[in-house]
Amino acid sequence: MTTIDQVKTKFRSIHFNTIAYRLEELLRQAGESELTHLQLADLMVEQELRGRQEKRVSYNLKRAAFPVVKRLEEFDFAFQTTVSKKQVLRLLDFTFVDNRENVVFIGPPGVGKTHLAIAVAVKAVEAGYRVFCSSALELVEALDLAEMRGQLKQKINALLKFDILFVDELGYLPVNKKSACNLFQLINALYEYRSLLLTTNKNFTEWADFFSEDAVAVPIVDRIIHHSHIFMMGGESYRLTKKIGSDRSG
């Protein structure tokens, strides 16, 4: 006589792990709802597909290497009025990814650039896109190390496997000429092939300040803004305002 444990083992052997895990529950649900054999089979397949999707999203969220997970629902659009929720929601059909376009959030520290960028990137992962997140400093260091080892091309090719490259805080620290050239090679490879999601505290006219010279800054800016959605954000620092309010109330 076949036991339920034997059936579970067979499901696991063909990697139907969600069905194996939930088999008793599914059978009980089928009995209580008087499902036909076809309905039960459909229910099992639906559960397996859902389980695989959840695992895929969980894996890709971890692989994206977000410093924290931020949600769009948590963002205070009442405080940050220089960008509207409607504007950001338009990004969530992800035609910008399908069209290989870039998204750039520009503004001073504390206005919510990183929160919005992470929130959009998390939604992209949940929609099935591959995302990799890095601070500008970490990315530049990784490219420089790869160049020093003679592996810059391999490093860039590895980054090109992602649908979206999210670079946070570009412009906070200056970049020397060699590093800027390495970064240009990456931006050039991404151009019209993958999407760049970028936060920066500098207007494009100021990029020569941290890229050491116009000769490097101009072609980088040119490739970023050619196909892009640019959000200019202003206002007071949200973190600073909340801190001052907390201190006063205390």
C-alpha atoms as a PDB file:
ATOM      1  CA  MET A   1       0.000   0.000   0.000  1.00  0.00           C
ATOM      2  CA  THR A   2       1.338   3.414  -0.996  1.00  0.00           C
ATOM      3  CA  THR A   3       1.833   5.789   1.920  1.00  0.00           C
ATOM      4  CA  ILE A   4       1.709   9.575   1.866  1.00  0.00           C
ATOM      5  CA  ASP A   5       5.394   9.679   2.774  1.00  0.00           C
ATOM      6  CA  GLN A   6       6.202   7.601  -0.296  1.00  0.00           C
ATOM      7  CA  VAL A   7       4.214   9.977  -2.488  1.00  0.00           C
ATOM      8  CA  LYS A   8       6.020  12.950  -0.934  1.00  0.00           C
ATOM      9  CA  THR A   9       9.347  11.317  -1.684  1.00  0.00           C
ATOM     10  CA  LYS A  10       8.336  10.859  -5.323  1.00  0.00           C
ATOM     11  CA  PHE A  11       7.324  14.512  -5.591  1.00  0.00           C
ATOM     12  CA  ARG A  12      10.650  15.595  -4.095  1.00  0.00           C
ATOM     13  CA  SER A  13      12.529  13.355  -6.530  1.00  0.00           C
ATOM     14  CA  ILE A  14      11.121  15.430  -9.414  1.00  0.00           C
ATOM     15  CA  HIS A  15      11.662  18.672  -7.456  1.00  0.00           C
ATOM     16  CA  PHE A  16       7.981  19.347  -6.747  1.00  0.00           C
ATOM     17  CA  ASN A  17       8.949  20.394  -3.249  1.00  0.00           C
ATOM     18  CA  THR A  18       6.016  22.695  -2.498  1.00  0.00           C
ATOM     19  CA  ILE A  19       3.530  19.957  -3.331  1.00  0.00           C
ATOM     20  CA  ALA A  20       5.472  17.520  -1.178  1.00  0.00           C
ATOM     21  CA  TYR A  21       5.511  19.955   1.737  1.00  0.00           C
ATOM     22  CA  ARG A  22       1.802  20.773   1.508  1.00  0.00           C
ATOM     23  CA  LEU A  23       0.435  17.405   0.324  1.00  0.00           C
ATOM     24  CA  GLU A  24      -1.685  16.637   3.409  1.00  0.00           C
ATOM     25  CA  GLU A  25      -3.177  20.127   3.352  1.00  0.00           C
ATOM     26  CA  LEU A  26      -3.948  19.918  -0.359  1.00  0.00           C
ATOM     27  CA  LEU A  27      -5.610  16.531  -0.015  1.00  0.00           C
ATOM     28  CA  ARG A  28      -7.665  17.760   2.925  1.00  0.00           C
ATOM     29  CA  GLN A  29      -8.700  20.844   0.989  1.00  0.00           C
ATOM     30  CA  ALA A  30      -9.687  18.681  -1.986  1.00  0.00           C
ATOM     31  CA  GLY A  31     -11.839  16.470   0.245  1.00  0.00           C
ATOM     32  CA  GLU A  32     -13.547  19.345   2.029  1.00  0.00           C
ATOM     33  CA  SER A  33     -14.268  21.180  -1.220  1.00  0.00           C
ATOM     34  CA  GLU A  34     -15.135  17.979  -3.131  1.00  0.00           C
ATOM     35  CA  LEU A  35     -12.706  18.832  -5.897  1.00  0.00           C
ATOM     36  CA  THR A  36     -12.558  16.720  -9.022  1.00  0.00           C
ATOM     37  CA  HIS A  37      -9.310  15.003  -9.955  1.00  0.00           C
ATOM     38  CA  LEU A  38      -8.667  17.684 -12.556  1.00  0.00           C
ATOM     39  CA  GLN A  39      -9.313  20.473 -10.035  1.00  0.00           C
ATOM     40  CA  LEU A  40      -6.961  18.840  -7.538  1.00  0.00           C
ATOM     41  CA  ALA A  41      -4.258  18.513 -10.190  1.00  0.00           C
ATOM     42  CA  ASP A  42      -4.709  22.182 -11.082  1.00  0.00           C
ATOM     43  CA  LEU A  43      -4.533  23.169  -7.405  1.00  0.00           C
ATOM     44  CA  MET A  44      -1.305  21.219  -6.944  1.00  0.00           C
ATOM     45  CA  VAL A  45       0.331  22.780  -9.994  1.00  0.00           C
ATOM     46  CA  GLU A  46      -0.771  26.260  -8.889  1.00  0.00           C
ATOM     47  CA  GLN A  47       0.750  25.749  -5.450  1.00  0.00           C
ATOM     48  CA  GLU A  48       4.009  24.470  -6.935  1.00  0.00           C
ATOM     49  CA  LEU A  49       4.292  27.404  -9.330  1.00  0.00           C
ATOM     50  CA  ARG A  50       3.561  29.872  -6.543  1.00  0.00           C
ATOM     51  CA  GLY A  51       6.123  28.228  -4.277  1.00  0.00           C
ATOM     52  CA  ARG A  52       8.785  28.365  -6.976  1.00  0.00           C
ATOM     53  CA  GLN A  53       8.020  32.019  -7.667  1.00  0.00           C
ATOM     54  CA  GLU A  54       8.339  32.883  -3.976  1.00  0.00           C
ATOM     55  CA  LYS A  55      11.679  31.070  -3.785  1.00  0.00           C
ATOM     56  CA  ARG A  56      12.883  32.781  -6.957  1.00  0.00           C
ATOM     57  CA  VAL A  57      11.969  36.215  -5.597  1.00  0.00           C
ATOM     58  CA  SER A  58      13.599  35.437  -2.247  1.00  0.00           C
ATOM     59  CA  TYR A  59      16.793  34.293  -3.971  1.00  0.00           C
ATOM     60  CA  ASN A  60      16.910  37.313  -6.288  1.00  0.00           C
ATOM     61  CA  LEU A  61      16.274  39.741  -3.419  1.00  0.00           C
ATOM     62  CA  LYS A  62      19.255  38.242  -1.614  1.00  0.00           C
ATOM     63  CA  ARG A  63      21.326  38.276  -4.796  1.00  0.00           C
ATOM     64  CA  ALA A  64      20.474  41.937  -5.410  1.00  0.00           C
ATOM     65  CA  ALA A  65      22.428  42.807  -2.239  1.00  0.00           C
ATOM     66  CA  PHE A  66      20.198  45.655  -1.100  1.00  0.00           C
ATOM     67  CA  PRO A  67      21.596  47.311   2.044  1.00  0.00           C
ATOM     68  CA  VAL A  68      18.009  47.338   3.364  1.00  0.00           C
ATOM     69  CA  VAL A  69      14.645  46.556   1.815  1.00  0.00           C
ATOM     70  CA  LYS A  70      12.515  49.659   1.366  1.00  0.00           C
ATOM     71  CA  ARG A  71       8.898  49.676   0.243  1.00  0.00           C
ATOM     72  CA  LEU A  72       7.091  52.287  -1.796  1.00  0.00           C
ATOM     73  CA  GLU A  73       4.173  52.035   0.624  1.00  0.00           C
ATOM     74  CA  GLU A  74       6.475  53.308   3.397  1.00  0.00           C
ATOM     75  CA  PHE A  75       7.532  56.461   1.549  1.00  0.00           C
ATOM     76  CA  ASP A  76       6.144  59.759   2.840  1.00  0.00           C
ATOM     77  CA  PHE A  77       4.971  61.588  -0.281  1.00  0.00           C
ATOM     78  CA  ALA A  78       3.275  64.171   1.942  1.00  0.00           C
ATOM     79  CA  PHE A  79       6.723  65.246   3.164  1.00  0.00           C
ATOM     80  CA  GLN A  80       8.574  64.864  -0.137  1.00  0.00           C
ATOM     81  CA  THR A  81       6.415  66.900  -2.549  1.00  0.00           C
ATOM     82  CA  THR A  82       8.957  67.454  -5.340  1.00  0.00           C
ATOM     83  CA  VAL A  83       8.127  64.020  -6.755  1.00  0.00           C
ATOM     84  CA  SER A  84       4.628  62.577  -6.856  1.00  0.00           C
ATOM     85  CA  LYS A  85       3.520  59.051  -6.133  1.00  0.00           C
ATOM     86  CA  LYS A  86       1.885  58.959  -9.562  1.00  0.00           C
ATOM     87  CA  GLN A  87       5.223  59.713 -11.233  1.00  0.00           C
ATOM     88  CA  VAL A  88       6.951  56.868  -9.420  1.00  0.00           C
ATOM     89  CA  LEU A  89       4.091  54.422  -9.961  1.00  0.00           C
ATOM     90  CA  ARG A  90       4.440  54.931 -13.706  1.00  0.00           C
ATOM     91  CA  LEU A  91       7.813  53.194 -13.471  1.00  0.00           C
ATOM     92  CA  LEU A  92       6.260  50.018 -12.106  1.00  0.00           C
ATOM     93  CA  ASP A  93       5.064  48.730 -15.470  1.00  0.00           C
ATOM     94  CA  PHE A  94       8.832  48.354 -16.074  1.00  0.00           C
ATOM     95  CA  THR A  95       8.726  49.456 -19.681  1.00  0.00           C
ATOM     96  CA  PHE A  96      11.890  51.373 -18.817  1.00  0.00           C
ATOM     97  CA  VAL A  97      13.615  48.022 -18.261  1.00  0.00           C
ATOM     98  CA  ASP A  98      12.177  46.453 -21.395  1.00  0.00           C
ATOM     99  CA  ASN A  99      13.243  49.545 -23.383  1.00  0.00           C
ATOM    100  CA  ARG A 100      16.723  49.618 -21.777  1.00  0.00           C
ATOM    101  CA  GLU A 101      16.137  53.068 -20.295  1.00  0.00           C
ATOM    102  CA  ASN A 102      17.673  54.562 -17.158  1.00  0.00           C
ATOM    103  CA  VAL A 103      16.128  56.066 -14.029  1.00  0.00           C
ATOM    104  CA  VAL A 104      18.004  58.802 -12.145  1.00  0.00           C
ATOM    105  CA  PHE A 105      17.071  60.346  -8.794  1.00  0.00           C
ATOM    106  CA  ILE A 106      18.929  63.618  -8.186  1.00  0.00           C
ATOM    107  CA  GLY A 107      18.865  65.635  -4.985  1.00  0.00           C
ATOM    108  CA  PRO A 108      20.589  66.568  -1.728  1.00  0.00           C
ATOM    109  CA  PRO A 109      21.085  64.068   1.126  1.00  0.00           C
ATOM    110  CA  GLY A 110      18.047  62.931   3.066  1.00  0.00           C
ATOM    111  CA  VAL A 111      15.291  63.694   0.534  1.00  0.00           C
ATOM    112  CA  GLY A 112      14.424  60.050  -0.182  1.00  0.00           C
ATOM    113  CA  LYS A 113      16.402  59.213  -3.321  1.00  0.00           C
ATOM    114  CA  THR A 114      17.728  55.895  -2.062  1.00  0.00           C
ATOM    115  CA  HIS A 115      14.385  54.892  -0.528  1.00  0.00           C
ATOM    116  CA  LEU A 116      12.559  55.397  -3.830  1.00  0.00           C
ATOM    117  CA  ALA A 117      15.295  53.716  -5.867  1.00  0.00           C
ATOM    118  CA  ILE A 118      15.349  50.655  -3.610  1.00  0.00           C
ATOM    119  CA  ALA A 119      11.542  50.511  -3.587  1.00  0.00           C
ATOM    120  CA  VAL A 120      11.435  50.515  -7.401  1.00  0.00           C
ATOM    121  CA  ALA A 121      14.230  47.925  -7.561  1.00  0.00           C
ATOM    122  CA  VAL A 122      12.458  45.622  -5.074  1.00  0.00           C
ATOM    123  CA  LYS A 123       9.267  45.812  -7.152  1.00  0.00           C
ATOM    124  CA  ALA A 124      11.345  44.930 -10.206  1.00  0.00           C
ATOM    125  CA  VAL A 125      12.721  41.819  -8.486  1.00  0.00           C
ATOM    126  CA  GLU A 126       9.198  40.801  -7.486  1.00  0.00           C
ATOM    127  CA  ALA A 127       8.150  41.260 -11.118  1.00  0.00           C
ATOM    128  CA  GLY A 128      10.849  38.821 -12.218  1.00  0.00           C
ATOM    129  CA  TYR A 129      13.709  41.110 -13.212  1.00  0.00           C
ATOM    130  CA  ARG A 130      17.300  40.595 -12.101  1.00  0.00           C
ATOM    131  CA  VAL A 131      18.764  43.482 -10.103  1.00  0.00           C
ATOM    132  CA  PHE A 132      22.170  44.151  -8.615  1.00  0.00           C
ATOM    133  CA  CYS A 133      22.707  46.936  -6.085  1.00  0.00           C
ATOM    134  CA  SER A 134      25.985  48.622  -5.172  1.00  0.00           C
ATOM    135  CA  SER A 135      27.114  51.897  -3.702  1.00  0.00           C
ATOM    136  CA  ALA A 136      29.152  53.969  -6.139  1.00  0.00           C
ATOM    137  CA  LEU A 137      32.229  53.566  -3.945  1.00  0.00           C
ATOM    138  CA  GLU A 138      31.925  49.760  -3.816  1.00  0.00           C
ATOM    139  CA  LEU A 139      31.327  49.571  -7.559  1.00  0.00           C
ATOM    140  CA  VAL A 140      34.343  51.730  -8.405  1.00  0.00           C
ATOM    141  CA  GLU A 141      36.543  49.696  -6.059  1.00  0.00           C
ATOM    142  CA  ALA A 142      35.324  46.436  -7.626  1.00  0.00           C
ATOM    143  CA  LEU A 143      36.011  47.705 -11.145  1.00  0.00           C
ATOM    144  CA  ASP A 144      39.461  48.982 -10.158  1.00  0.00           C
ATOM    145  CA  LEU A 145      40.353  45.650  -8.565  1.00  0.00           C
ATOM    146  CA  ALA A 146      39.160  43.766 -11.636  1.00  0.00           C
ATOM    147  CA  GLU A 147      41.192  46.087 -13.904  1.00  0.00           C
ATOM    148  CA  MET A 148      44.286  45.578 -11.760  1.00  0.00           C
ATOM    149  CA  ARG A 149      43.866  41.804 -12.097  1.00  0.00           C
ATOM    150  CA  GLY A 150      43.285  42.009 -15.848  1.00  0.00           C
ATOM    151  CA  GLN A 151      39.658  40.943 -15.369  1.00  0.00           C
ATOM    152  CA  LEU A 152      37.726  44.141 -16.089  1.00  0.00           C
ATOM    153  CA  LYS A 153      35.973  42.697 -19.139  1.00  0.00           C
ATOM    154  CA  GLN A 154      34.856  39.645 -17.154  1.00  0.00           C
ATOM    155  CA  LYS A 155      33.590  41.859 -14.320  1.00  0.00           C
ATOM    156  CA  ILE A 156      31.594  44.029 -16.698  1.00  0.00           C
ATOM    157  CA  ASN A 157      30.146  40.970 -18.437  1.00  0.00           C
ATOM    158  CA  ALA A 158      29.055  39.612 -15.052  1.00  0.00           C
ATOM    159  CA  LEU A 159      27.227  42.871 -14.284  1.00  0.00           C
ATOM    160  CA  LEU A 160      25.577  42.820 -17.712  1.00  0.00           C
ATOM    161  CA  LYS A 161      23.725  39.652 -16.711  1.00  0.00           C
ATOM    162  CA  PHE A 162      21.446  41.768 -14.536  1.00  0.00           C
ATOM    163  CA  ASP A 163      18.475  43.614 -16.036  1.00  0.00           C
ATOM    164  CA  ILE A 164      19.017  46.590 -13.716  1.00  0.00           C
ATOM    165  CA  LEU A 165      22.240  47.864 -12.201  1.00  0.00           C
ATOM    166  CA  PHE A 166      21.400  50.069  -9.207  1.00  0.00           C
ATOM    167  CA  VAL A 167      24.230  52.445  -8.270  1.00  0.00           C
ATOM    168  CA  ASP A 168      23.636  54.438  -5.097  1.00  0.00           C
ATOM    169  CA  GLU A 169      25.283  57.704  -3.997  1.00  0.00           C
ATOM    170  CA  LEU A 170      27.274  58.574  -7.085  1.00  0.00           C
ATOM    171  CA  GLY A 171      28.985  61.915  -6.568  1.00  0.00           C
ATOM    172  CA  TYR A 172      29.582  61.874  -2.830  1.00  0.00           C
ATOM    173  CA  LEU A 173      33.265  61.078  -3.285  1.00  0.00           C
ATOM    174  CA  PRO A 174      35.640  62.115  -6.102  1.00  0.00           C
ATOM    175  CA  VAL A 175      36.800  59.528  -8.637  1.00  0.00           C
ATOM    176  CA  ASN A 176      40.324  59.521 -10.098  1.00  0.00           C
ATOM    177  CA  LYS A 177      40.925  59.342 -13.843  1.00  0.00           C
ATOM    178  CA  LYS A 178      41.658  55.614 -13.962  1.00  0.00           C
ATOM    179  CA  SER A 179      38.549  54.762 -11.953  1.00  0.00           C
ATOM    180  CA  ALA A 180      36.457  57.082 -14.112  1.00  0.00           C
ATOM    181  CA  CYS A 181      37.704  55.333 -17.246  1.00  0.00           C
ATOM    182  CA  ASN A 182      36.792  51.946 -15.772  1.00  0.00           C
ATOM    183  CA  LEU A 183      33.348  53.253 -14.877  1.00  0.00           C
ATOM    184  CA  PHE A 184      32.925  54.653 -18.382  1.00  0.00           C
ATOM    185  CA  GLN A 185      33.605  51.224 -19.853  1.00  0.00           C
ATOM    186  CA  LEU A 186      30.816  49.801 -17.705  1.00  0.00           C
ATOM    187  CA  ILE A 187      28.362  52.613 -18.561  1.00  0.00           C
ATOM    188  CA  ASN A 188      29.230  52.232 -22.241  1.00  0.00           C
ATOM    189  CA  ALA A 189      28.558  48.486 -22.091  1.00  0.00           C
ATOM    190  CA  LEU A 190      25.222  49.097 -20.340  1.00  0.00           C
ATOM    191  CA  TYR A 191      24.147  51.729 -22.864  1.00  0.00           C
ATOM    192  CA  GLU A 192      21.002  50.613 -24.740  1.00  0.00           C
ATOM    193  CA  TYR A 193      21.578  47.062 -23.453  1.00  0.00           C
ATOM    194  CA  ARG A 194      20.656  47.180 -19.750  1.00  0.00           C
ATOM    195  CA  SER A 195      18.998  49.691 -17.434  1.00  0.00           C
ATOM    196  CA  LEU A 196      20.825  51.824 -14.898  1.00  0.00           C
ATOM    197  CA  LEU A 197      19.074  52.945 -11.711  1.00  0.00           C
ATOM    198  CA  LEU A 198      21.066  55.763 -10.185  1.00  0.00           C
ATOM    199  CA  THR A 199      20.981  58.123  -7.204  1.00  0.00           C
ATOM    200  CA  THR A 200      23.227  61.160  -7.050  1.00  0.00           C
ATOM    201  CA  ASN A 201      23.542  64.378  -5.078  1.00  0.00           C
ATOM    202  CA  LYS A 202      25.046  66.240  -8.035  1.00  0.00           C
ATOM    203  CA  ASN A 203      23.401  67.850 -11.049  1.00  0.00           C
ATOM    204  CA  PHE A 204      24.847  66.604 -14.330  1.00  0.00           C
ATOM    205  CA  THR A 205      26.554  69.958 -14.860  1.00  0.00           C
ATOM    206  CA  GLU A 206      28.621  69.256 -11.721  1.00  0.00           C
ATOM    207  CA  TRP A 207      29.814  65.777 -12.659  1.00  0.00           C
ATOM    208  CA  ALA A 208      33.177  67.029 -13.885  1.00  0.00           C
ATOM    209  CA  ASP A 209      33.889  68.017 -10.272  1.00  0.00           C
ATOM    210  CA  PHE A 210      34.071  64.424  -9.068  1.00  0.00           C
ATOM    211  CA  PHE A 211      35.119  62.782 -12.340  1.00  0.00           C
ATOM    212  CA  SER A 212      38.261  64.978 -12.383  1.00  0.00           C
ATOM    213  CA  GLU A 213      37.711  66.237 -15.940  1.00  0.00           C
ATOM    214  CA  ASP A 214      35.054  66.934 -18.588  1.00  0.00           C
ATOM    215  CA  ALA A 215      36.653  64.496 -21.023  1.00  0.00           C
ATOM    216  CA  VAL A 216      35.388  61.587 -18.902  1.00  0.00           C
ATOM    217  CA  ALA A 217      32.286  63.166 -17.375  1.00  0.00           C
ATOM    218  CA  VAL A 218      30.658  64.255 -20.644  1.00  0.00           C
ATOM    219  CA  PRO A 219      30.498  60.831 -22.370  1.00  0.00           C
ATOM    220  CA  ILE A 220      29.283  59.198 -19.134  1.00  0.00           C
ATOM    221  CA  VAL A 221      26.515  61.775 -18.702  1.00  0.00           C
ATOM    222  CA  ASP A 222      25.645  61.544 -22.392  1.00  0.00           C
ATOM    223  CA  ARG A 223      25.023  57.796 -22.219  1.00  0.00           C
ATOM    224  CA  ILE A 224      23.084  57.990 -18.951  1.00  0.00           C
ATOM    225  CA  ILE A 225      20.664  60.747 -19.926  1.00  0.00           C
ATOM    226  CA  HIS A 226      20.062  59.732 -23.564  1.00  0.00           C
ATOM    227  CA  HIS A 227      17.282  57.306 -22.653  1.00  0.00           C
ATOM    228  CA  SER A 228      16.335  58.202 -19.103  1.00  0.00           C
ATOM    229  CA  HIS A 229      13.662  59.181 -16.607  1.00  0.00           C
ATOM    230  CA  ILE A 230      15.077  61.924 -14.392  1.00  0.00           C
ATOM    231  CA  PHE A 231      13.596  62.878 -11.027  1.00  0.00           C
ATOM    232  CA  MET A 232      14.827  66.147  -9.541  1.00  0.00           C
ATOM    233  CA  MET A 233      14.189  66.035  -5.798  1.00  0.00           C
ATOM    234  CA  GLY A 234      14.544  68.854  -3.294  1.00  0.00           C
ATOM    235  CA  GLY A 235      13.425  69.957   0.128  1.00  0.00           C
ATOM    236  CA  GLU A 236      14.694  69.395   3.632  1.00  0.00           C
ATOM    237  CA  SER A 237      16.341  66.217   4.847  1.00  0.00           C
ATOM    238  CA  TYR A 238      13.627  63.859   6.062  1.00  0.00           C
ATOM    239  CA  ARG A 239      15.958  62.207   8.569  1.00  0.00           C
ATOM    240  CA  LEU A 240      17.145  65.541   9.964  1.00  0.00           C
ATOM    241  CA  THR A 241      13.604  66.898  10.235  1.00  0.00           C
ATOM    242  CA  LYS A 242      12.412  63.785  12.054  1.00  0.00           C
ATOM    243  CA  LYS A 243      15.428  63.945  14.388  1.00  0.00           C
ATOM    244  CA  ILE A 244      14.797  67.604  15.267  1.00  0.00           C
ATOM    245  CA  GLY A 245      11.106  66.880  15.841  1.00  0.00           C
ATOM    246  CA  SER A 246      11.970  63.931  18.070  1.00  0.00           C
ATOM    247  CA  ASP A 247      14.434  65.988  20.114  1.00  0.00           C
ATOM    248  CA  ARG A 248      11.905  68.766  20.607  1.00  0.00           C
ATOM    249  CA  SER A 249       9.138  66.392  21.675  1.00  0.00           C
ATOM    250  CA  GLY A 250      11.506  64.719  24.137  1.00  0.00           C
END
